Amino acid sequence: MIAAHWGGGFPFYALMPEVRAVIDAGRVVFDTAASSLLYGTEAPRRGIDLVGVGAVCWGSDFPLRDQTLDRAMIEASLPDQHERQMILGNNAARFLDLPARK
């Protein structure tokens, strides 16, 4: 399942063992769409801290918002290149069983 808009705050439930097990099994990912509309700039970091970098996929609210703005928020809030690559494409590729970017 892809939980849009951070699943409406669902990552906080990752602190519950039964929810953590579902996330760890790779059965749910959270997209970052609407982050800048709903949350502060720390949302990507906090989301990763709660659910793990492997459970976060970049999303935008195109055409409501320009995709470059949503992508810039992720790039600015995550200085680690590996985390950015995972969130900006590799996690979605893995979840959808597509080839990962190099």
PDB file of N, CA and C in Angstrom:
ATOM      1  N   MET A   1       0.839  -1.161   0.000  1.00  0.00           N
ATOM      2  CA  MET A   1       0.000   0.000   0.000  1.00  0.00           C
ATOM      3  C   MET A   1       0.893   1.236   0.000  1.00  0.00           C
ATOM      4  N   ILE A   2       0.538   2.210  -0.797  1.00  0.00           N
ATOM      5  CA  ILE A   2       1.223   3.496  -0.779  1.00  0.00           C
ATOM      6  C   ILE A   2       0.335   4.460   0.000  1.00  0.00           C
ATOM      7  N   ALA A   3       0.829   4.918   1.131  1.00  0.00           N
ATOM      8  CA  ALA A   3       0.083   5.834   1.991  1.00  0.00           C
ATOM      9  C   ALA A   3       0.428   7.259   1.580  1.00  0.00           C
ATOM     10  N   ALA A   4      -0.473   7.876   0.819  1.00  0.00           N
ATOM     11  CA  ALA A   4      -0.242   9.218   0.303  1.00  0.00           C
ATOM     12  C   ALA A   4      -0.227  10.253   1.417  1.00  0.00           C
ATOM     13  N   HIS A   5       0.514  11.333   1.157  1.00  0.00           N
ATOM     14  CA  HIS A   5       0.586  12.466   2.094  1.00  0.00           C
ATOM     15  C   HIS A   5       1.003  12.001   3.493  1.00  0.00           C
ATOM     16  N   TRP A   6       2.046  11.169   3.512  1.00  0.00           N
ATOM     17  CA  TRP A   6       2.554  10.606   4.764  1.00  0.00           C
ATOM     18  C   TRP A   6       1.486   9.788   5.479  1.00  0.00           C
ATOM     19  N   GLY A   7       0.524   9.296   4.741  1.00  0.00           N
ATOM     20  CA  GLY A   7      -0.519   8.477   5.353  1.00  0.00           C
ATOM     21  C   GLY A   7      -1.315   9.240   6.389  1.00  0.00           C
ATOM     22  N   GLY A   8      -1.405  10.562   6.226  1.00  0.00           N
ATOM     23  CA  GLY A   8      -2.169  11.361   7.174  1.00  0.00           C
ATOM     24  C   GLY A   8      -1.628  11.285   8.593  1.00  0.00           C
ATOM     25  N   GLY A   9      -0.328  11.166   8.739  1.00  0.00           N
ATOM     26  CA  GLY A   9       0.282  11.089  10.061  1.00  0.00           C
ATOM     27  C   GLY A   9       0.495   9.664  10.550  1.00  0.00           C
ATOM     28  N   PHE A  10       0.203   8.693   9.711  1.00  0.00           N
ATOM     29  CA  PHE A  10       0.323   7.280  10.086  1.00  0.00           C
ATOM     30  C   PHE A  10       1.718   6.872  10.563  1.00  0.00           C
ATOM     31  N   PRO A  11       2.816   7.515  10.114  1.00  0.00           N
ATOM     32  CA  PRO A  11       4.133   7.085  10.589  1.00  0.00           C
ATOM     33  C   PRO A  11       4.270   7.048  12.109  1.00  0.00           C
ATOM     34  N   PHE A  12       3.488   7.845  12.825  1.00  0.00           N
ATOM     35  CA  PHE A  12       3.578   7.793  14.285  1.00  0.00           C
ATOM     36  C   PHE A  12       3.159   6.432  14.835  1.00  0.00           C
ATOM     37  N   TYR A  13       2.315   5.734  14.099  1.00  0.00           N
ATOM     38  CA  TYR A  13       1.910   4.398  14.523  1.00  0.00           C
ATOM     39  C   TYR A  13       3.024   3.377  14.355  1.00  0.00           C
ATOM     40  N   ALA A  14       4.094   3.752  13.681  1.00  0.00           N
ATOM     41  CA  ALA A  14       5.238   2.851  13.526  1.00  0.00           C
ATOM     42  C   ALA A  14       5.878   2.523  14.866  1.00  0.00           C
ATOM     43  N   LEU A  15       5.540   3.278  15.881  1.00  0.00           N
ATOM     44  CA  LEU A  15       6.047   2.994  17.220  1.00  0.00           C
ATOM     45  C   LEU A  15       5.330   1.798  17.858  1.00  0.00           C
ATOM     46  N   MET A  16       4.231   1.353  17.248  1.00  0.00           N
ATOM     47  CA  MET A  16       3.497   0.178  17.724  1.00  0.00           C
ATOM     48  C   MET A  16       4.103  -1.067  17.059  1.00  0.00           C
ATOM     49  N   PRO A  17       4.440  -2.090  17.821  1.00  0.00           N
ATOM     50  CA  PRO A  17       5.118  -3.266  17.253  1.00  0.00           C
ATOM     51  C   PRO A  17       4.377  -3.915  16.087  1.00  0.00           C
ATOM     52  N   GLU A  18       3.063  -4.021  16.148  1.00  0.00           N
ATOM     53  CA  GLU A  18       2.342  -4.686  15.064  1.00  0.00           C
ATOM     54  C   GLU A  18       2.355  -3.862  13.770  1.00  0.00           C
ATOM     55  N   VAL A  19       2.373  -2.545  13.897  1.00  0.00           N
ATOM     56  CA  VAL A  19       2.462  -1.683  12.713  1.00  0.00           C
ATOM     57  C   VAL A  19       3.891  -1.706  12.187  1.00  0.00           C
ATOM     58  N   ARG A  20       4.860  -1.668  13.081  1.00  0.00           N
ATOM     59  CA  ARG A  20       6.274  -1.737  12.690  1.00  0.00           C
ATOM     60  C   ARG A  20       6.534  -2.990  11.865  1.00  0.00           C
ATOM     61  N   ALA A  21       5.920  -4.103  12.230  1.00  0.00           N
ATOM     62  CA  ALA A  21       6.112  -5.358  11.505  1.00  0.00           C
ATOM     63  C   ALA A  21       5.614  -5.248  10.063  1.00  0.00           C
ATOM     64  N   VAL A  22       4.501  -4.576   9.836  1.00  0.00           N
ATOM     65  CA  VAL A  22       3.962  -4.392   8.488  1.00  0.00           C
ATOM     66  C   VAL A  22       4.895  -3.509   7.658  1.00  0.00           C
ATOM     67  N   ILE A  23       5.402  -2.449   8.274  1.00  0.00           N
ATOM     68  CA  ILE A  23       6.335  -1.554   7.576  1.00  0.00           C
ATOM     69  C   ILE A  23       7.626  -2.300   7.256  1.00  0.00           C
ATOM     70  N   ASP A  24       8.158  -3.010   8.231  1.00  0.00           N
ATOM     71  CA  ASP A  24       9.406  -3.749   8.022  1.00  0.00           C
ATOM     72  C   ASP A  24       9.266  -4.847   6.977  1.00  0.00           C
ATOM     73  N   ALA A  25       8.065  -5.371   6.814  1.00  0.00           N
ATOM     74  CA  ALA A  25       7.827  -6.410   5.802  1.00  0.00           C
ATOM     75  C   ALA A  25       7.757  -5.815   4.395  1.00  0.00           C
ATOM     76  N   GLY A  26       7.799  -4.485   4.285  1.00  0.00           N
ATOM     77  CA  GLY A  26       7.779  -3.832   2.984  1.00  0.00           C
ATOM     78  C   GLY A  26       6.403  -3.761   2.359  1.00  0.00           C
ATOM     79  N   ARG A  27       5.378  -3.855   3.167  1.00  0.00           N
ATOM     80  CA  ARG A  27       4.012  -3.873   2.639  1.00  0.00           C
ATOM     81  C   ARG A  27       3.377  -2.497   2.553  1.00  0.00           C
ATOM     82  N   VAL A  28       4.055  -1.486   3.086  1.00  0.00           N
ATOM     83  CA  VAL A  28       3.531  -0.125   3.032  1.00  0.00           C
ATOM     84  C   VAL A  28       4.692   0.852   2.870  1.00  0.00           C
ATOM     85  N   VAL A  29       4.484   1.869   2.052  1.00  0.00           N
ATOM     86  CA  VAL A  29       5.424   2.985   1.944  1.00  0.00           C
ATOM     87  C   VAL A  29       4.623   4.275   2.057  1.00  0.00           C
ATOM     88  N   PHE A  30       5.297   5.321   2.436  1.00  0.00           N
ATOM     89  CA  PHE A  30       4.672   6.619   2.643  1.00  0.00           C
ATOM     90  C   PHE A  30       5.212   7.590   1.612  1.00  0.00           C
ATOM     91  N   ASP A  31       4.320   8.304   0.927  1.00  0.00           N
ATOM     92  CA  ASP A  31       4.832   9.294  -0.011  1.00  0.00           C
ATOM     93  C   ASP A  31       4.853  10.673   0.639  1.00  0.00           C
ATOM     94  N   THR A  32       5.709  11.515   0.087  1.00  0.00           N
ATOM     95  CA  THR A  32       5.963  12.831   0.681  1.00  0.00           C
ATOM     96  C   THR A  32       5.084  13.929   0.104  1.00  0.00           C
ATOM     97  N   ALA A  33       4.131  13.559  -0.756  1.00  0.00           N
ATOM     98  CA  ALA A  33       3.257  14.567  -1.356  1.00  0.00           C
ATOM     99  C   ALA A  33       2.573  15.383  -0.269  1.00  0.00           C
ATOM    100  N   ALA A  34       2.406  16.642  -0.529  1.00  0.00           N
ATOM    101  CA  ALA A  34       1.753  17.606   0.366  1.00  0.00           C
ATOM    102  C   ALA A  34       2.579  17.953   1.598  1.00  0.00           C
ATOM    103  N   SER A  35       3.810  17.490   1.673  1.00  0.00           N
ATOM    104  CA  SER A  35       4.636  17.796   2.850  1.00  0.00           C
ATOM    105  C   SER A  35       4.696  19.290   3.128  1.00  0.00           C
ATOM    106  N   SER A  36       4.980  20.062   2.105  1.00  0.00           N
ATOM    107  CA  SER A  36       5.134  21.506   2.321  1.00  0.00           C
ATOM    108  C   SER A  36       3.794  22.198   2.579  1.00  0.00           C
ATOM    109  N   LEU A  37       2.708  21.550   2.219  1.00  0.00           N
ATOM    110  CA  LEU A  37       1.386  22.128   2.486  1.00  0.00           C
ATOM    111  C   LEU A  37       0.865  21.771   3.873  1.00  0.00           C
ATOM    112  N   LEU A  38       1.282  20.615   4.376  1.00  0.00           N
ATOM    113  CA  LEU A  38       0.740  20.110   5.637  1.00  0.00           C
ATOM    114  C   LEU A  38       1.700  20.198   6.822  1.00  0.00           C
ATOM    115  N   TYR A  39       2.997  20.106   6.548  1.00  0.00           N
ATOM    116  CA  TYR A  39       3.978  19.972   7.625  1.00  0.00           C
ATOM    117  C   TYR A  39       5.125  20.963   7.449  1.00  0.00           C
ATOM    118  N   GLY A  40       5.956  21.058   8.456  1.00  0.00           N
ATOM    119  CA  GLY A  40       7.152  21.884   8.380  1.00  0.00           C
ATOM    120  C   GLY A  40       8.249  21.187   7.606  1.00  0.00           C
ATOM    121  N   THR A  41       9.336  21.896   7.384  1.00  0.00           N
ATOM    122  CA  THR A  41      10.443  21.364   6.586  1.00  0.00           C
ATOM    123  C   THR A  41      11.125  20.166   7.228  1.00  0.00           C
ATOM    124  N   GLU A  42      10.872  19.923   8.495  1.00  0.00           N
ATOM    125  CA  GLU A  42      11.492  18.776   9.165  1.00  0.00           C
ATOM    126  C   GLU A  42      10.735  17.477   8.922  1.00  0.00           C
ATOM    127  N   ALA A  43       9.621  17.504   8.229  1.00  0.00           N
ATOM    128  CA  ALA A  43       8.794  16.308   8.004  1.00  0.00           C
ATOM    129  C   ALA A  43       9.562  15.149   7.364  1.00  0.00           C
ATOM    130  N   PRO A  44      10.334  15.369   6.304  1.00  0.00           N
ATOM    131  CA  PRO A  44      11.048  14.223   5.727  1.00  0.00           C
ATOM    132  C   PRO A  44      11.994  13.542   6.714  1.00  0.00           C
ATOM    133  N   ARG A  45      12.748  14.328   7.458  1.00  0.00           N
ATOM    134  CA  ARG A  45      13.676  13.742   8.424  1.00  0.00           C
ATOM    135  C   ARG A  45      12.921  12.984   9.514  1.00  0.00           C
ATOM    136  N   ARG A  46      11.873  13.595  10.042  1.00  0.00           N
ATOM    137  CA  ARG A  46      11.087  12.939  11.100  1.00  0.00           C
ATOM    138  C   ARG A  46      10.403  11.676  10.591  1.00  0.00           C
ATOM    139  N   GLY A  47       9.887  11.749   9.360  1.00  0.00           N
ATOM    140  CA  GLY A  47       9.256  10.573   8.773  1.00  0.00           C
ATOM    141  C   GLY A  47      10.233   9.425   8.627  1.00  0.00           C
ATOM    142  N   ILE A  48      11.428   9.725   8.134  1.00  0.00           N
ATOM    143  CA  ILE A  48      12.468   8.693   8.007  1.00  0.00           C
ATOM    144  C   ILE A  48      12.824   8.132   9.374  1.00  0.00           C
ATOM    145  N   ASP A  49      12.947   8.994  10.359  1.00  0.00           N
ATOM    146  CA  ASP A  49      13.286   8.534  11.702  1.00  0.00           C
ATOM    147  C   ASP A  49      12.224   7.586  12.262  1.00  0.00           C
ATOM    148  N   LEU A  50      10.971   7.801  11.899  1.00  0.00           N
ATOM    149  CA  LEU A  50       9.881   6.965  12.406  1.00  0.00           C
ATOM    150  C   LEU A  50       9.710   5.657  11.639  1.00  0.00           C
ATOM    151  N   VAL A  51       9.755   5.718  10.314  1.00  0.00           N
ATOM    152  CA  VAL A  51       9.438   4.518   9.536  1.00  0.00           C
ATOM    153  C   VAL A  51      10.643   3.895   8.840  1.00  0.00           C
ATOM    154  N   GLY A  52      11.765   4.604   8.801  1.00  0.00           N
ATOM    155  CA  GLY A  52      12.949   4.106   8.109  1.00  0.00           C
ATOM    156  C   GLY A  52      13.016   4.640   6.696  1.00  0.00           C
ATOM    157  N   VAL A  53      14.225   4.838   6.225  1.00  0.00           N
ATOM    158  CA  VAL A  53      14.421   5.445   4.905  1.00  0.00           C
ATOM    159  C   VAL A  53      13.841   4.587   3.787  1.00  0.00           C
ATOM    160  N   GLY A  54      13.780   3.282   3.976  1.00  0.00           N
ATOM    161  CA  GLY A  54      13.265   2.387   2.951  1.00  0.00           C
ATOM    162  C   GLY A  54      11.761   2.433   2.769  1.00  0.00           C
ATOM    163  N   ALA A  55      11.061   3.101   3.663  1.00  0.00           N
ATOM    164  CA  ALA A  55       9.595   3.149   3.593  1.00  0.00           C
ATOM    165  C   ALA A  55       9.070   4.516   3.171  1.00  0.00           C
ATOM    166  N   VAL A  56       9.944   5.362   2.614  1.00  0.00           N
ATOM    167  CA  VAL A  56       9.531   6.704   2.199  1.00  0.00           C
ATOM    168  C   VAL A  56       9.803   6.873   0.706  1.00  0.00           C
ATOM    169  N   CYS A  57       8.797   7.333  -0.016  1.00  0.00           N
ATOM    170  CA  CYS A  57       8.911   7.591  -1.456  1.00  0.00           C
ATOM    171  C   CYS A  57       8.518   9.031  -1.734  1.00  0.00           C
ATOM    172  N   TRP A  58       9.265   9.661  -2.620  1.00  0.00           N
ATOM    173  CA  TRP A  58       8.936  11.034  -3.007  1.00  0.00           C
ATOM    174  C   TRP A  58       7.602  11.066  -3.733  1.00  0.00           C
ATOM    175  N   GLY A  59       6.842  12.092  -3.444  1.00  0.00           N
ATOM    176  CA  GLY A  59       5.600  12.320  -4.151  1.00  0.00           C
ATOM    177  C   GLY A  59       5.392  13.815  -4.288  1.00  0.00           C
ATOM    178  N   SER A  60       4.646  14.188  -5.279  1.00  0.00           N
ATOM    179  CA  SER A  60       4.344  15.598  -5.461  1.00  0.00           C
ATOM    180  C   SER A  60       2.842  15.760  -5.603  1.00  0.00           C
ATOM    181  N   ASP A  61       2.398  16.962  -5.550  1.00  0.00           N
ATOM    182  CA  ASP A  61       0.982  17.259  -5.754  1.00  0.00           C
ATOM    183  C   ASP A  61       0.762  17.917  -7.099  1.00  0.00           C
ATOM    184  N   PHE A  62       1.537  17.473  -8.092  1.00  0.00           N
ATOM    185  CA  PHE A  62       1.369  17.972  -9.443  1.00  0.00           C
ATOM    186  C   PHE A  62      -0.016  17.559  -9.945  1.00  0.00           C
ATOM    187  N   PRO A  63      -0.776  18.412 -10.533  1.00  0.00           N
ATOM    188  CA  PRO A  63      -0.479  19.750 -11.023  1.00  0.00           C
ATOM    189  C   PRO A  63      -0.820  20.863 -10.026  1.00  0.00           C
ATOM    190  N   LEU A  64      -1.257  20.507  -8.822  1.00  0.00           N
ATOM    191  CA  LEU A  64      -1.558  21.526  -7.823  1.00  0.00           C
ATOM    192  C   LEU A  64      -0.324  22.360  -7.501  1.00  0.00           C
ATOM    193  N   ARG A  65       0.822  21.704  -7.420  1.00  0.00           N
ATOM    194  CA  ARG A  65       2.084  22.381  -7.117  1.00  0.00           C
ATOM    195  C   ARG A  65       3.124  21.998  -8.151  1.00  0.00           C
ATOM    196  N   ASP A  66       4.085  22.861  -8.340  1.00  0.00           N
ATOM    197  CA  ASP A  66       5.206  22.595  -9.221  1.00  0.00           C
ATOM    198  C   ASP A  66       6.073  21.503  -8.593  1.00  0.00           C
ATOM    199  N   GLN A  67       6.364  20.454  -9.337  1.00  0.00           N
ATOM    200  CA  GLN A  67       7.166  19.348  -8.809  1.00  0.00           C
ATOM    201  C   GLN A  67       8.555  19.785  -8.370  1.00  0.00           C
ATOM    202  N   THR A  68       9.112  20.800  -9.018  1.00  0.00           N
ATOM    203  CA  THR A  68      10.459  21.228  -8.647  1.00  0.00           C
ATOM    204  C   THR A  68      10.490  21.767  -7.223  1.00  0.00           C
ATOM    205  N   LEU A  69       9.407  22.373  -6.751  1.00  0.00           N
ATOM    206  CA  LEU A  69       9.359  22.877  -5.376  1.00  0.00           C
ATOM    207  C   LEU A  69       9.332  21.723  -4.378  1.00  0.00           C
ATOM    208  N   ASP A  70       8.530  20.709  -4.660  1.00  0.00           N
ATOM    209  CA  ASP A  70       8.451  19.564  -3.751  1.00  0.00           C
ATOM    210  C   ASP A  70       9.768  18.786  -3.730  1.00  0.00           C
ATOM    211  N   ARG A  71      10.382  18.643  -4.878  1.00  0.00           N
ATOM    212  CA  ARG A  71      11.672  17.958  -4.935  1.00  0.00           C
ATOM    213  C   ARG A  71      12.746  18.761  -4.206  1.00  0.00           C
ATOM    214  N   ALA A  72      12.727  20.075  -4.370  1.00  0.00           N
ATOM    215  CA  ALA A  72      13.718  20.929  -3.700  1.00  0.00           C
ATOM    216  C   ALA A  72      13.605  20.816  -2.185  1.00  0.00           C
ATOM    217  N   MET A  73      12.386  20.655  -1.676  1.00  0.00           N
ATOM    218  CA  MET A  73      12.211  20.493  -0.229  1.00  0.00           C
ATOM    219  C   MET A  73      12.910  19.231   0.254  1.00  0.00           C
ATOM    220  N   ILE A  74      12.768  18.138  -0.486  1.00  0.00           N
ATOM    221  CA  ILE A  74      13.431  16.883  -0.107  1.00  0.00           C
ATOM    222  C   ILE A  74      14.939  17.054  -0.169  1.00  0.00           C
ATOM    223  N   GLU A  75      15.430  17.639  -1.244  1.00  0.00           N
ATOM    224  CA  GLU A  75      16.872  17.806  -1.398  1.00  0.00           C
ATOM    225  C   GLU A  75      17.453  18.694  -0.306  1.00  0.00           C
ATOM    226  N   ALA A  76      16.737  19.740   0.062  1.00  0.00           N
ATOM    227  CA  ALA A  76      17.233  20.656   1.092  1.00  0.00           C
ATOM    228  C   ALA A  76      17.185  20.042   2.483  1.00  0.00           C
ATOM    229  N   SER A  77      16.201  19.201   2.733  1.00  0.00           N
ATOM    230  CA  SER A  77      16.040  18.665   4.090  1.00  0.00           C
ATOM    231  C   SER A  77      16.822  17.381   4.326  1.00  0.00           C
ATOM    232  N   LEU A  78      17.346  16.770   3.259  1.00  0.00           N
ATOM    233  CA  LEU A  78      18.106  15.521   3.396  1.00  0.00           C
ATOM    234  C   LEU A  78      19.475  15.667   2.751  1.00  0.00           C
ATOM    235  N   PRO A  79      20.482  16.037   3.524  1.00  0.00           N
ATOM    236  CA  PRO A  79      21.808  16.235   2.951  1.00  0.00           C
ATOM    237  C   PRO A  79      22.499  14.931   2.532  1.00  0.00           C
ATOM    238  N   ASP A  80      22.062  13.797   3.067  1.00  0.00           N
ATOM    239  CA  ASP A  80      22.693  12.521   2.747  1.00  0.00           C
ATOM    240  C   ASP A  80      22.289  12.054   1.342  1.00  0.00           C
ATOM    241  N   GLN A  81      23.253  11.903   0.461  1.00  0.00           N
ATOM    242  CA  GLN A  81      23.010  11.524  -0.936  1.00  0.00           C
ATOM    243  C   GLN A  81      22.297  10.178  -1.043  1.00  0.00           C
ATOM    244  N   HIS A  82      22.692   9.215  -0.238  1.00  0.00           N
ATOM    245  CA  HIS A  82      22.074   7.881  -0.280  1.00  0.00           C
ATOM    246  C   HIS A  82      20.585   7.960   0.085  1.00  0.00           C
ATOM    247  N   GLU A  83      20.260   8.690   1.122  1.00  0.00           N
ATOM    248  CA  GLU A  83      18.855   8.852   1.506  1.00  0.00           C
ATOM    249  C   GLU A  83      18.055   9.529   0.399  1.00  0.00           C
ATOM    250  N   ARG A  84      18.623  10.566  -0.191  1.00  0.00           N
ATOM    251  CA  ARG A  84      17.922  11.262  -1.276  1.00  0.00           C
ATOM    252  C   ARG A  84      17.655  10.332  -2.448  1.00  0.00           C
ATOM    253  N   GLN A  85      18.647   9.530  -2.846  1.00  0.00           N
ATOM    254  CA  GLN A  85      18.462   8.601  -3.959  1.00  0.00           C
ATOM    255  C   GLN A  85      17.363   7.588  -3.654  1.00  0.00           C
ATOM    256  N   MET A  86      17.353   7.099  -2.438  1.00  0.00           N
ATOM    257  CA  MET A  86      16.323   6.131  -2.066  1.00  0.00           C
ATOM    258  C   MET A  86      14.938   6.761  -2.150  1.00  0.00           C
ATOM    259  N   ILE A  87      14.799   7.945  -1.592  1.00  0.00           N
ATOM    260  CA  ILE A  87      13.489   8.584  -1.535  1.00  0.00           C
ATOM    261  C   ILE A  87      13.062   9.112  -2.907  1.00  0.00           C
ATOM    262  N   LEU A  88      13.992   9.613  -3.689  1.00  0.00           N
ATOM    263  CA  LEU A  88      13.642  10.208  -4.972  1.00  0.00           C
ATOM    264  C   LEU A  88      13.475   9.191  -6.105  1.00  0.00           C
ATOM    265  N   GLY A  89      13.502   7.909  -5.804  1.00  0.00           N
ATOM    266  CA  GLY A  89      13.235   6.948  -6.868  1.00  0.00           C
ATOM    267  C   GLY A  89      13.490   5.495  -6.549  1.00  0.00           C
ATOM    268  N   ASN A  90      14.566   5.197  -5.853  1.00  0.00           N
ATOM    269  CA  ASN A  90      14.918   3.796  -5.651  1.00  0.00           C
ATOM    270  C   ASN A  90      13.912   3.043  -4.783  1.00  0.00           C
ATOM    271  N   ASN A  91      13.354   3.692  -3.769  1.00  0.00           N
ATOM    272  CA  ASN A  91      12.352   3.007  -2.944  1.00  0.00           C
ATOM    273  C   ASN A  91      11.102   2.678  -3.753  1.00  0.00           C
ATOM    274  N   ALA A  92      10.651   3.621  -4.559  1.00  0.00           N
ATOM    275  CA  ALA A  92       9.463   3.382  -5.390  1.00  0.00           C
ATOM    276  C   ALA A  92       9.745   2.269  -6.393  1.00  0.00           C
ATOM    277  N   ALA A  93      10.933   2.277  -6.983  1.00  0.00           N
ATOM    278  CA  ALA A  93      11.291   1.221  -7.934  1.00  0.00           C
ATOM    279  C   ALA A  93      11.251  -0.147  -7.254  1.00  0.00           C
ATOM    280  N   ARG A  94      11.815  -0.245  -6.061  1.00  0.00           N
ATOM    281  CA  ARG A  94      11.817  -1.508  -5.330  1.00  0.00           C
ATOM    282  C   ARG A  94      10.383  -1.927  -4.997  1.00  0.00           C
ATOM    283  N   PHE A  95       9.594  -0.998  -4.481  1.00  0.00           N
ATOM    284  CA  PHE A  95       8.219  -1.296  -4.077  1.00  0.00           C
ATOM    285  C   PHE A  95       7.370  -1.744  -5.261  1.00  0.00           C
ATOM    286  N   LEU A  96       7.594  -1.132  -6.428  1.00  0.00           N
ATOM    287  CA  LEU A  96       6.830  -1.445  -7.633  1.00  0.00           C
ATOM    288  C   LEU A  96       7.500  -2.520  -8.497  1.00  0.00           C
ATOM    289  N   ASP A  97       8.606  -3.065  -7.989  1.00  0.00           N
ATOM    290  CA  ASP A  97       9.345  -4.118  -8.680  1.00  0.00           C
ATOM    291  C   ASP A  97       9.840  -3.657 -10.055  1.00  0.00           C
ATOM    292  N   LEU A  98      10.439  -2.451 -10.075  1.00  0.00           N
ATOM    293  CA  LEU A  98      11.029  -1.877 -11.275  1.00  0.00           C
ATOM    294  C   LEU A  98      12.533  -1.778 -11.089  1.00  0.00           C
ATOM    295  N   PRO A  99      13.293  -1.656 -12.171  1.00  0.00           N
ATOM    296  CA  PRO A  99      14.748  -1.493 -12.019  1.00  0.00           C
ATOM    297  C   PRO A  99      15.075  -0.183 -11.302  1.00  0.00           C
ATOM    298  N   ALA A 100      16.035  -0.230 -10.395  1.00  0.00           N
ATOM    299  CA  ALA A 100      16.469   0.961  -9.656  1.00  0.00           C
ATOM    300  C   ALA A 100      17.387   1.807 -10.519  1.00  0.00           C
ATOM    301  N   ARG A 101      17.385   3.115 -10.233  1.00  0.00           N
ATOM    302  CA  ARG A 101      18.324   4.029 -10.899  1.00  0.00           C
ATOM    303  C   ARG A 101      19.721   3.744 -10.396  1.00  0.00           C
ATOM    304  N   LYS A 102      20.670   3.989 -11.237  1.00  0.00           N
ATOM    305  CA  LYS A 102      22.082   3.824 -10.846  1.00  0.00           C
ATOM    306  C   LYS A 102      22.600   5.114 -10.289  1.00  0.00           C
TER     307      LYS A 102
END
